[in-house]
Each structure stands twice: as structure tokens, then as C-alpha cells.
Amino acid sequence: MYTEQMRKAVRELKPPKDFEIGIADYGQFLTIQFYESHWRHLSDPERLRCIKYMNAVKTRLELLGARVSLDPILDVKYNDDRKI
């Protein structure tokens, strides 16, 4: 489902500094993946820029016919009773 046209459309968007995403192709839909370990160190204004970026990526992919969801990758182990 993730086509060359989609890849080019995503690459046209400039990501916020030091913020990386991945696109996972599950055949019937795509997910935009980002890591909690990157996210948790961002300030609120930086998080807002990242949210806007991910929304722009999602919108571009949807305009090209994809079903898209956000998929945070929980890669941090907690030292308390929180459930992951």
C-alpha cells in the first residue's frame, strides 16, 4: 500500500528538528510510528510542532488513498506501577 508517490509526498514535509517517524505498511492500512523515548524529552511547544507534522503526514497519505493511524512505540520501561 505504501507507494513511491506516498514516500515522496512525506519526504516533501520538513520534520521538526530531531524528530523521527516511521511508516509501517500493514497492507490494508499504514501507521505513523514514533518513539515515546523521543517524545518524553520534548517541551510542550516542540510536541505541538511534532503533532502538526504527524497530522500533515497523515493528511497527505489519506489524500493519496491510505487509511492511516498513529502508533506510538512504547520503548521506555517505567520504575513504578504504570501499565504499558
C-alpha atoms as a PDB file:
ATOM      1  CA  MET A   1       0.000   0.000   0.000  1.00  0.00           C
ATOM      2  CA  TYR A   2       2.872   2.442   0.775  1.00  0.00           C
ATOM      3  CA  THR A   3       3.772   3.637  -2.694  1.00  0.00           C
ATOM      4  CA  GLU A   4       6.662   5.630  -4.108  1.00  0.00           C
ATOM      5  CA  GLN A   5       4.259   8.552  -4.588  1.00  0.00           C
ATOM      6  CA  MET A   6       3.362   8.430  -0.886  1.00  0.00           C
ATOM      7  CA  ARG A   7       7.038   8.246   0.111  1.00  0.00           C
ATOM      8  CA  LYS A   8       7.816  11.338  -1.981  1.00  0.00           C
ATOM      9  CA  ALA A   9       4.821  13.216  -0.540  1.00  0.00           C
ATOM     10  CA  VAL A  10       6.005  12.503   3.013  1.00  0.00           C
ATOM     11  CA  ARG A  11       9.602  13.487   2.193  1.00  0.00           C
ATOM     12  CA  GLU A  12       8.391  16.886   0.946  1.00  0.00           C
ATOM     13  CA  LEU A  13       7.343  17.775   4.502  1.00  0.00           C
ATOM     14  CA  LYS A  14      10.056  19.089   6.809  1.00  0.00           C
ATOM     15  CA  PRO A  15      10.042  17.315  10.177  1.00  0.00           C
ATOM     16  CA  PRO A  16      10.736  19.189  13.407  1.00  0.00           C
ATOM     17  CA  LYS A  17      14.373  19.076  14.466  1.00  0.00           C
ATOM     18  CA  ASP A  18      15.466  15.729  15.941  1.00  0.00           C
ATOM     19  CA  PHE A  19      12.026  14.136  15.477  1.00  0.00           C
ATOM     20  CA  GLU A  20      11.824  10.900  13.521  1.00  0.00           C
ATOM     21  CA  ILE A  21       8.860   8.846  12.414  1.00  0.00           C
ATOM     22  CA  GLY A  22       8.486   5.549  10.661  1.00  0.00           C
ATOM     23  CA  ILE A  23       5.769   4.417   8.287  1.00  0.00           C
ATOM     24  CA  ALA A  24       4.651   0.809   8.759  1.00  0.00           C
ATOM     25  CA  ASP A  25       2.669  -0.852   5.984  1.00  0.00           C
ATOM     26  CA  TYR A  26       0.113  -3.412   7.158  1.00  0.00           C
ATOM     27  CA  GLY A  27      -1.435  -3.984   3.734  1.00  0.00           C
ATOM     28  CA  GLN A  28      -4.884  -2.554   4.456  1.00  0.00           C
ATOM     29  CA  PHE A  29      -3.611   0.472   6.394  1.00  0.00           C
ATOM     30  CA  LEU A  30      -0.481   2.421   7.321  1.00  0.00           C
ATOM     31  CA  THR A  31       0.718   3.562  10.712  1.00  0.00           C
ATOM     32  CA  ILE A  32       2.855   6.548  11.578  1.00  0.00           C
ATOM     33  CA  GLN A  33       5.204   5.328  14.286  1.00  0.00           C
ATOM     34  CA  PHE A  34       7.079   7.460  16.774  1.00  0.00           C
ATOM     35  CA  TYR A  35       9.030   6.533  19.893  1.00  0.00           C
ATOM     36  CA  GLU A  36       7.984   7.531  23.381  1.00  0.00           C
ATOM     37  CA  SER A  37      11.647   7.884  24.383  1.00  0.00           C
ATOM     38  CA  HIS A  38      11.984  10.731  21.864  1.00  0.00           C
ATOM     39  CA  TRP A  39       8.612  12.232  22.755  1.00  0.00           C
ATOM     40  CA  ARG A  40       9.034  12.404  26.514  1.00  0.00           C
ATOM     41  CA  HIS A  41      12.030  14.766  26.314  1.00  0.00           C
ATOM     42  CA  LEU A  42      10.271  17.374  24.191  1.00  0.00           C
ATOM     43  CA  SER A  43       8.878  20.620  25.536  1.00  0.00           C
ATOM     44  CA  ASP A  44       5.195  21.417  25.017  1.00  0.00           C
ATOM     45  CA  PRO A  45       5.879  23.748  22.047  1.00  0.00           C
ATOM     46  CA  GLU A  46       8.098  21.075  20.463  1.00  0.00           C
ATOM     47  CA  ARG A  47       5.388  18.453  20.979  1.00  0.00           C
ATOM     48  CA  LEU A  48       2.867  20.732  19.302  1.00  0.00           C
ATOM     49  CA  ARG A  49       5.171  21.083  16.266  1.00  0.00           C
ATOM     50  CA  CYS A  50       5.536  17.296  16.146  1.00  0.00           C
ATOM     51  CA  ILE A  51       1.773  16.792  16.351  1.00  0.00           C
ATOM     52  CA  LYS A  52       1.265  19.232  13.483  1.00  0.00           C
ATOM     53  CA  TYR A  53       3.921  17.418  11.459  1.00  0.00           C
ATOM     54  CA  MET A  54       2.373  13.979  12.070  1.00  0.00           C
ATOM     55  CA  ASN A  55      -1.058  15.357  11.202  1.00  0.00           C
ATOM     56  CA  ALA A  56       0.322  16.782   7.934  1.00  0.00           C
ATOM     57  CA  VAL A  57       1.901  13.404   7.093  1.00  0.00           C
ATOM     58  CA  LYS A  58      -1.363  11.620   7.912  1.00  0.00           C
ATOM     59  CA  THR A  59      -3.379  14.036   5.778  1.00  0.00           C
ATOM     60  CA  ARG A  60      -1.036  13.653   2.780  1.00  0.00           C
ATOM     61  CA  LEU A  61      -1.210   9.873   2.963  1.00  0.00           C
ATOM     62  CA  GLU A  62      -5.004   9.922   3.284  1.00  0.00           C
ATOM     63  CA  LEU A  63      -5.291  12.198   0.256  1.00  0.00           C
ATOM     64  CA  LEU A  64      -3.393   9.537  -1.667  1.00  0.00           C
ATOM     65  CA  GLY A  65      -5.928   6.884  -0.623  1.00  0.00           C
ATOM     66  CA  ALA A  66      -4.401   5.337   2.504  1.00  0.00           C
ATOM     67  CA  ARG A  67      -6.068   4.547   5.805  1.00  0.00           C
ATOM     68  CA  VAL A  68      -3.664   5.860   8.444  1.00  0.00           C
ATOM     69  CA  SER A  69      -3.350   5.728  12.229  1.00  0.00           C
ATOM     70  CA  LEU A  70      -0.793   6.951  14.739  1.00  0.00           C
ATOM     71  CA  ASP A  71       1.184   4.259  16.527  1.00  0.00           C
ATOM     72  CA  PRO A  72       3.302   5.351  19.490  1.00  0.00           C
ATOM     73  CA  ILE A  73       6.058   2.861  20.234  1.00  0.00           C
ATOM     74  CA  LEU A  74       6.373   2.398  23.997  1.00  0.00           C
ATOM     75  CA  ASP A  75      10.099   1.783  24.307  1.00  0.00           C
ATOM     76  CA  VAL A  76      10.567   3.076  27.855  1.00  0.00           C
ATOM     77  CA  LYS A  77      10.443   0.885  30.943  1.00  0.00           C
ATOM     78  CA  TYR A  78       8.881   2.506  33.961  1.00  0.00           C
ATOM     79  CA  ASN A  79      10.138   2.076  37.510  1.00  0.00           C
ATOM     80  CA  ASP A  80       6.684   2.431  39.044  1.00  0.00           C
ATOM     81  CA  ASP A  81       3.320   0.663  38.823  1.00  0.00           C
ATOM     82  CA  ARG A  82       2.202   2.146  35.498  1.00  0.00           C
ATOM     83  CA  LYS A  83       0.990  -0.342  32.932  1.00  0.00           C
ATOM     84  CA  ILE A  84       2.464  -0.237  29.464  1.00  0.00           C
END
